[in-house]
Each structure stands twice: as C-alpha cells, then as structure tokens.
C-alpha cells in the first residue's frame, strides 16, 4: 500500500483556517449534511403536493399509475441500489490508499447512473409519444379522468428534479476520477469522495421513496 511521500504531501489539502485535517473533514461533512437537509426540504414540497392531490383524487392516482412501467422502474431501483454499493466501495478504496480501486468504483457508479438516465429517457419518450405531457400540454385520452394531467405534472416534476440531481452526481464523480488520476486523494485526504458519496446516497434514497409512491399505487 503506497503512502504519501512527505508531510507536505499529506497536508497540501489543508486550508489555513483549519487546525488539522480532522477539523477540516468534520467541517466539510457538517456542511454537506446541512446541504442535504435543505435538499430534503426542497423535495418535501413536492412530496406534500403529491400527498394533497392523492387525497383529493385517489381514483386518478390508481388509473394514472397504470401508465407507468413497473418493470423498468424496478430495474432502475436496483441500478441505484447497486450504485450506492459501488460509491461506498469507492470511499473505502480511498481510505485504504487504493487509488485504482477508487477510480474503478467511481467509473462503475457513473455507468450505473448513466444506465438509470437512459432508462428514464426511454420512459419519457414513450409517454411523450402518447401525449402524456405535463400541464396544459397533456393530450392523452387513455385515462378517463379530467384531472389526469395533475398526476403526470407531479410525476414529471418529481422524477425530473431527481434526474437533474443524478446528472449533477455524474458530473461530480467524473471530477473525482480526474482528481484521483492526479493522485490528489489518499488515506489522509478523501473528503470530496466521502461528501460526494453522501450526496449520492441521498439521491438513491429519494428514488426509493419515489418508486413506490409513483409506480406501486394500489
């Protein structure tokens, strides 16, 4: 296992306003947790809208959910669960100075995230072709309910916002790969890897809530 060759290399990441690496790491982690709380509040508004409209139109939600592909939604769920495992393995590799393992696990995570987005793309295309569009653009006549556009407006807002977060995560992990190849990370400094991992776990958890709420309505 290779170790940083000098004290300077071990501490070149340390900002001047921190006493040591541990303090910098804890501050960064606390900042990420605060950010994740704001993200939960952000999605919370959409979840509240979902709950209110489902209480108002329960029969609509039953009818509209039949237009969602449970099979591909299930596949995407397992894809993201797998990506949570690989991002955790990437963090562990960084902790052990296994930079090659870090890079490999990041690439696998990126691949799984892209798989999720490709599946979601084809789901969207299939609905667009039917005329299942958000708001006033909705023209599908296969659901016998005048408020069907409400369900799909909420569906697109929730899954669309989640998809944007997936894309952000992909960008962050590509950046981590670039930095890892430059040997920026080691057992004494892997903070960006860990806080990106926390972000990615939140993205996965949000989907685990979205999947049953949207696809498994009964």
Foldseek 3Di string as FASTA:
>chain_A
DDDPPDPCLLCVVPDPVDPDLVRVLVVLLVVLVVVLVVVCVVVVVLVVLLVVVCVVCVVLLVQLLVLADLVLLVVLLVLLVVLLVLLVQLLVCLLAFNLVSNLVSLVSSLVSLVVSVVSVVVRVVVCVVQQLDADPSRDHPPGPDPCNNSLSNSVCVLVVVLNVLSVVLSVLSVVVSVCSVVVSTHSSDDSSSVSSSVSSVSSSVSSVVVSCSRNVRD
